Amino acid sequence: MRRLALVCFALLACQRTPGTQRNFSGMWDTPFGYMHLVQEGSRVRGKYRSDLGSIDGRIVGDTLYFTWRDPDGRGEGFFVLSADGRSLDGAYRRERGTDWEGRWWGVRLSR
């Protein structure tokens, strides 16, 4: 019985409480180079492509919706944070684009 109680407690501890915000802060390895994100509340700002690119966005649930800007243009995108917080996956498009242009993913290197 005690073992069952410990297993139940462990499972409950691993579940995220609804409404709990995830943390996108850290250094990420992405197809566009290293990306450094800083989260303050629901706002996230960051740099990528050796600081030539910038990201500015807001978190809703497990998703970061952002605008991006770099020497090749600007647009919008989103990242969905994995349940374990070790990776993110999303897409981007250029300003005034109607279709998602490509996939943008990353693996967390540090917090």
N, C-alpha and C. Protein backbone atom coordinates (compact mmCIF):
# COMPACT_ATOMS: atom_id res chain seq x y z
N MET A 1 0.82 -1.19 0.00
CA MET A 1 0.00 0.00 0.00
C MET A 1 0.87 1.26 0.00
N ARG A 2 1.93 1.23 0.81
CA ARG A 2 2.80 2.39 0.88
C ARG A 2 3.48 2.63 -0.48
N ARG A 3 3.88 1.55 -1.14
CA ARG A 3 4.52 1.66 -2.46
C ARG A 3 3.55 2.29 -3.46
N LEU A 4 2.28 1.88 -3.42
CA LEU A 4 1.27 2.44 -4.31
C LEU A 4 1.10 3.94 -4.05
N ALA A 5 1.10 4.33 -2.81
CA ALA A 5 0.97 5.74 -2.46
C ALA A 5 2.16 6.54 -2.99
N LEU A 6 3.37 5.98 -2.89
CA LEU A 6 4.56 6.66 -3.40
C LEU A 6 4.51 6.79 -4.92
N VAL A 7 4.06 5.76 -5.61
CA VAL A 7 3.94 5.81 -7.06
C VAL A 7 2.93 6.87 -7.47
N CYS A 8 1.78 6.90 -6.80
CA CYS A 8 0.76 7.90 -7.10
C CYS A 8 1.29 9.31 -6.85
N PHE A 9 2.00 9.51 -5.76
CA PHE A 9 2.58 10.82 -5.45
C PHE A 9 3.58 11.22 -6.53
N ALA A 10 4.41 10.30 -6.96
CA ALA A 10 5.41 10.58 -8.00
C ALA A 10 4.73 10.97 -9.31
N LEU A 11 3.68 10.25 -9.68
CA LEU A 11 2.96 10.58 -10.92
C LEU A 11 2.31 11.95 -10.84
N LEU A 12 1.72 12.26 -9.71
CA LEU A 12 1.10 13.57 -9.55
C LEU A 12 2.14 14.69 -9.57
N ALA A 13 3.29 14.45 -8.99
CA ALA A 13 4.34 15.46 -8.96
C ALA A 13 4.87 15.74 -10.36
N CYS A 14 4.83 14.75 -11.25
CA CYS A 14 5.34 14.93 -12.61
C CYS A 14 4.35 15.66 -13.51
N GLN A 15 3.09 15.68 -13.13
CA GLN A 15 2.09 16.35 -13.94
C GLN A 15 2.16 17.85 -13.68
N ARG A 16 1.95 18.59 -14.74
CA ARG A 16 1.97 20.03 -14.64
C ARG A 16 0.58 20.52 -14.25
N THR A 17 0.52 21.46 -13.36
CA THR A 17 -0.74 22.05 -12.97
C THR A 17 -1.26 22.91 -14.11
N PRO A 18 -2.55 22.79 -14.48
CA PRO A 18 -3.08 23.63 -15.55
C PRO A 18 -2.85 25.11 -15.23
N GLY A 19 -2.44 25.84 -16.24
CA GLY A 19 -2.20 27.27 -16.05
C GLY A 19 -0.77 27.58 -15.63
N THR A 20 0.02 26.57 -15.29
CA THR A 20 1.41 26.79 -14.92
C THR A 20 2.20 27.11 -16.18
N GLN A 21 2.94 28.21 -16.13
CA GLN A 21 3.69 28.63 -17.30
C GLN A 21 5.02 27.90 -17.42
N ARG A 22 5.38 27.55 -18.63
CA ARG A 22 6.64 26.86 -18.89
C ARG A 22 7.74 27.89 -19.08
N ASN A 23 8.99 27.45 -18.93
CA ASN A 23 10.12 28.36 -19.01
C ASN A 23 10.91 28.13 -20.30
N PHE A 24 10.95 29.14 -21.15
CA PHE A 24 11.67 29.09 -22.42
C PHE A 24 13.09 29.65 -22.30
N SER A 25 13.45 30.23 -21.14
CA SER A 25 14.77 30.84 -20.97
C SER A 25 15.88 29.82 -21.17
N GLY A 26 16.96 30.29 -21.78
CA GLY A 26 18.13 29.44 -21.92
C GLY A 26 18.80 29.59 -23.26
N MET A 27 19.82 28.77 -23.46
CA MET A 27 20.56 28.71 -24.72
C MET A 27 20.07 27.49 -25.49
N TRP A 28 19.73 27.69 -26.76
CA TRP A 28 19.18 26.65 -27.61
C TRP A 28 20.04 26.49 -28.86
N ASP A 29 20.19 25.25 -29.31
CA ASP A 29 20.87 24.96 -30.57
C ASP A 29 19.77 24.78 -31.61
N THR A 30 19.75 25.64 -32.65
CA THR A 30 18.70 25.61 -33.67
C THR A 30 19.31 25.59 -35.07
N PRO A 31 18.51 25.35 -36.10
CA PRO A 31 19.03 25.40 -37.47
C PRO A 31 19.53 26.79 -37.85
N PHE A 32 19.14 27.82 -37.10
CA PHE A 32 19.57 29.19 -37.36
C PHE A 32 20.68 29.62 -36.41
N GLY A 33 21.40 28.66 -35.88
CA GLY A 33 22.49 28.94 -34.95
C GLY A 33 22.01 28.92 -33.52
N TYR A 34 22.92 29.30 -32.62
CA TYR A 34 22.56 29.34 -31.21
C TYR A 34 21.57 30.46 -30.97
N MET A 35 20.59 30.19 -30.10
CA MET A 35 19.56 31.16 -29.77
C MET A 35 19.52 31.29 -28.25
N HIS A 36 19.58 32.52 -27.77
CA HIS A 36 19.52 32.78 -26.33
C HIS A 36 18.20 33.49 -26.03
N LEU A 37 17.35 32.87 -25.21
CA LEU A 37 16.06 33.43 -24.85
C LEU A 37 16.03 33.79 -23.37
N VAL A 38 15.39 34.91 -23.07
CA VAL A 38 15.21 35.36 -21.69
C VAL A 38 13.72 35.59 -21.48
N GLN A 39 13.17 34.92 -20.46
CA GLN A 39 11.75 35.03 -20.15
C GLN A 39 11.55 35.83 -18.89
N GLU A 40 10.63 36.79 -18.97
CA GLU A 40 10.21 37.59 -17.81
C GLU A 40 8.69 37.54 -17.79
N GLY A 41 8.13 36.74 -16.89
CA GLY A 41 6.68 36.54 -16.89
C GLY A 41 6.28 35.81 -18.15
N SER A 42 5.33 36.38 -18.89
CA SER A 42 4.90 35.75 -20.13
C SER A 42 5.64 36.31 -21.35
N ARG A 43 6.52 37.27 -21.13
CA ARG A 43 7.27 37.89 -22.23
C ARG A 43 8.61 37.20 -22.42
N VAL A 44 8.98 37.00 -23.70
CA VAL A 44 10.26 36.37 -24.02
C VAL A 44 10.94 37.22 -25.09
N ARG A 45 12.21 37.48 -24.85
CA ARG A 45 13.05 38.19 -25.82
C ARG A 45 14.30 37.38 -26.04
N GLY A 46 14.87 37.51 -27.21
CA GLY A 46 16.08 36.75 -27.46
C GLY A 46 16.82 37.17 -28.70
N LYS A 47 17.95 36.50 -28.87
CA LYS A 47 18.84 36.73 -30.01
C LYS A 47 19.21 35.39 -30.62
N TYR A 48 19.47 35.40 -31.91
CA TYR A 48 19.94 34.21 -32.62
C TYR A 48 20.83 34.66 -33.77
N ARG A 49 21.43 33.72 -34.45
CA ARG A 49 22.34 34.01 -35.57
C ARG A 49 23.45 34.96 -35.16
N SER A 50 24.18 34.58 -34.14
CA SER A 50 25.30 35.39 -33.64
C SER A 50 24.85 36.81 -33.31
N ASP A 51 23.69 36.93 -32.70
CA ASP A 51 23.11 38.21 -32.27
C ASP A 51 22.65 39.10 -33.42
N LEU A 52 22.61 38.59 -34.65
CA LEU A 52 22.11 39.37 -35.77
C LEU A 52 20.59 39.32 -35.85
N GLY A 53 20.00 38.28 -35.28
CA GLY A 53 18.55 38.12 -35.29
C GLY A 53 17.97 38.35 -33.91
N SER A 54 16.73 38.83 -33.87
CA SER A 54 16.06 39.06 -32.58
C SER A 54 14.66 38.45 -32.60
N ILE A 55 14.22 38.08 -31.41
CA ILE A 55 12.90 37.50 -31.19
C ILE A 55 12.23 38.27 -30.06
N ASP A 56 10.94 38.53 -30.22
CA ASP A 56 10.16 39.20 -29.18
C ASP A 56 8.78 38.54 -29.18
N GLY A 57 8.38 37.97 -28.03
CA GLY A 57 7.10 37.28 -28.04
C GLY A 57 6.45 37.12 -26.69
N ARG A 58 5.33 36.43 -26.70
CA ARG A 58 4.54 36.15 -25.50
C ARG A 58 4.17 34.68 -25.46
N ILE A 59 4.09 34.16 -24.23
CA ILE A 59 3.75 32.76 -24.01
C ILE A 59 2.26 32.62 -23.71
N VAL A 60 1.67 31.63 -24.35
CA VAL A 60 0.29 31.23 -24.06
C VAL A 60 0.34 29.72 -23.89
N GLY A 61 0.16 29.25 -22.66
CA GLY A 61 0.26 27.82 -22.36
C GLY A 61 1.68 27.32 -22.58
N ASP A 62 1.83 26.33 -23.44
CA ASP A 62 3.15 25.77 -23.76
C ASP A 62 3.73 26.35 -25.04
N THR A 63 3.11 27.39 -25.57
CA THR A 63 3.50 27.94 -26.86
C THR A 63 3.98 29.38 -26.75
N LEU A 64 5.09 29.65 -27.39
CA LEU A 64 5.64 31.00 -27.49
C LEU A 64 5.32 31.51 -28.89
N TYR A 65 4.52 32.59 -28.97
CA TYR A 65 4.21 33.25 -30.23
C TYR A 65 5.11 34.47 -30.31
N PHE A 66 5.83 34.62 -31.43
CA PHE A 66 6.84 35.68 -31.49
C PHE A 66 6.93 36.32 -32.87
N THR A 67 7.56 37.48 -32.87
CA THR A 67 8.00 38.11 -34.11
C THR A 67 9.51 37.98 -34.16
N TRP A 68 10.05 37.89 -35.36
CA TRP A 68 11.49 37.77 -35.53
C TRP A 68 11.97 38.80 -36.54
N ARG A 69 13.24 39.12 -36.42
CA ARG A 69 13.87 40.08 -37.33
C ARG A 69 15.34 39.72 -37.45
N ASP A 70 15.83 39.67 -38.70
CA ASP A 70 17.26 39.46 -38.95
C ASP A 70 17.61 40.11 -40.28
N PRO A 71 18.88 40.06 -40.71
CA PRO A 71 19.26 40.73 -41.95
C PRO A 71 18.52 40.22 -43.20
N ASP A 72 17.95 39.01 -43.14
CA ASP A 72 17.23 38.47 -44.29
C ASP A 72 15.75 38.85 -44.33
N GLY A 73 15.26 39.51 -43.29
CA GLY A 73 13.86 39.91 -43.27
C GLY A 73 13.27 39.89 -41.88
N ARG A 74 11.95 39.80 -41.85
CA ARG A 74 11.24 39.72 -40.57
C ARG A 74 9.92 39.00 -40.78
N GLY A 75 9.34 38.57 -39.66
CA GLY A 75 8.09 37.84 -39.75
C GLY A 75 7.62 37.40 -38.39
N GLU A 76 6.93 36.27 -38.38
CA GLU A 76 6.37 35.75 -37.13
C GLU A 76 6.59 34.24 -37.07
N GLY A 77 6.39 33.71 -35.88
CA GLY A 77 6.55 32.27 -35.69
C GLY A 77 6.01 31.83 -34.35
N PHE A 78 6.19 30.56 -34.08
CA PHE A 78 5.79 30.01 -32.79
C PHE A 78 6.71 28.85 -32.43
N PHE A 79 6.88 28.63 -31.14
CA PHE A 79 7.59 27.47 -30.61
C PHE A 79 6.69 26.79 -29.59
N VAL A 80 6.63 25.47 -29.63
CA VAL A 80 5.94 24.68 -28.61
C VAL A 80 7.02 23.99 -27.80
N LEU A 81 6.99 24.18 -26.49
CA LEU A 81 7.98 23.59 -25.60
C LEU A 81 7.59 22.16 -25.28
N SER A 82 8.55 21.24 -25.35
CA SER A 82 8.29 19.84 -25.02
C SER A 82 7.93 19.70 -23.55
N ALA A 83 7.30 18.61 -23.19
CA ALA A 83 6.88 18.37 -21.82
C ALA A 83 8.05 18.38 -20.85
N ASP A 84 9.22 17.89 -21.29
CA ASP A 84 10.38 17.86 -20.40
C ASP A 84 11.21 19.15 -20.46
N GLY A 85 10.83 20.09 -21.34
CA GLY A 85 11.52 21.37 -21.43
C GLY A 85 12.87 21.31 -22.11
N ARG A 86 13.22 20.19 -22.70
CA ARG A 86 14.55 20.04 -23.32
C ARG A 86 14.59 20.40 -24.79
N SER A 87 13.41 20.54 -25.42
CA SER A 87 13.39 20.88 -26.83
C SER A 87 12.16 21.73 -27.14
N LEU A 88 12.23 22.38 -28.29
CA LEU A 88 11.08 23.14 -28.77
C LEU A 88 10.95 22.89 -30.26
N ASP A 89 9.74 23.05 -30.76
CA ASP A 89 9.48 22.81 -32.17
C ASP A 89 8.43 23.81 -32.61
N GLY A 90 8.60 24.32 -33.82
CA GLY A 90 7.65 25.30 -34.32
C GLY A 90 7.86 25.59 -35.78
N ALA A 91 7.40 26.76 -36.18
CA ALA A 91 7.48 27.16 -37.58
C ALA A 91 7.59 28.68 -37.64
N TYR A 92 7.96 29.16 -38.83
CA TYR A 92 8.08 30.60 -39.05
C TYR A 92 7.57 30.96 -40.45
N ARG A 93 7.25 32.23 -40.62
CA ARG A 93 6.91 32.76 -41.94
C ARG A 93 7.34 34.22 -42.00
N ARG A 94 7.53 34.68 -43.21
CA ARG A 94 7.92 36.07 -43.42
C ARG A 94 6.73 37.00 -43.26
N GLU A 95 7.02 38.24 -43.03
CA GLU A 95 5.98 39.25 -42.88
C GLU A 95 5.02 39.20 -44.07
N ARG A 96 3.75 39.24 -43.80
CA ARG A 96 2.67 39.17 -44.76
C ARG A 96 2.53 37.80 -45.43
N GLY A 97 3.26 36.82 -44.95
CA GLY A 97 3.13 35.46 -45.48
C GLY A 97 1.87 34.80 -44.95
N THR A 98 1.26 33.99 -45.79
CA THR A 98 0.05 33.28 -45.35
C THR A 98 0.33 31.84 -44.98
N ASP A 99 1.39 31.27 -45.55
CA ASP A 99 1.76 29.89 -45.26
C ASP A 99 3.02 29.85 -44.42
N TRP A 100 3.13 28.84 -43.56
CA TRP A 100 4.35 28.67 -42.78
C TRP A 100 5.47 28.29 -43.74
N GLU A 101 6.55 29.03 -43.68
CA GLU A 101 7.65 28.86 -44.62
C GLU A 101 8.57 27.69 -44.28
N GLY A 102 8.75 27.46 -43.01
CA GLY A 102 9.66 26.38 -42.62
C GLY A 102 9.55 26.04 -41.16
N ARG A 103 10.20 24.95 -40.82
CA ARG A 103 10.23 24.46 -39.44
C ARG A 103 11.38 25.12 -38.70
N TRP A 104 11.15 25.46 -37.44
CA TRP A 104 12.19 26.03 -36.58
C TRP A 104 12.14 25.25 -35.28
N TRP A 105 13.18 24.53 -34.99
CA TRP A 105 13.22 23.68 -33.79
C TRP A 105 14.52 23.95 -33.04
N GLY A 106 14.58 23.44 -31.82
CA GLY A 106 15.79 23.63 -31.04
C GLY A 106 15.92 22.63 -29.90
N VAL A 107 17.17 22.46 -29.48
CA VAL A 107 17.49 21.61 -28.34
C VAL A 107 18.15 22.48 -27.28
N ARG A 108 17.66 22.38 -26.05
CA ARG A 108 18.19 23.22 -24.97
C ARG A 108 19.60 22.80 -24.60
N LEU A 109 20.50 23.78 -24.57
CA LEU A 109 21.88 23.53 -24.15
C LEU A 109 22.09 23.89 -22.69
N SER A 110 21.39 24.95 -22.22
CA SER A 110 21.50 25.37 -20.82
C SER A 110 20.30 26.25 -20.48
N ARG A 111 20.11 26.46 -19.18
CA ARG A 111 19.02 27.34 -18.73
C ARG A 111 19.53 28.72 -18.48
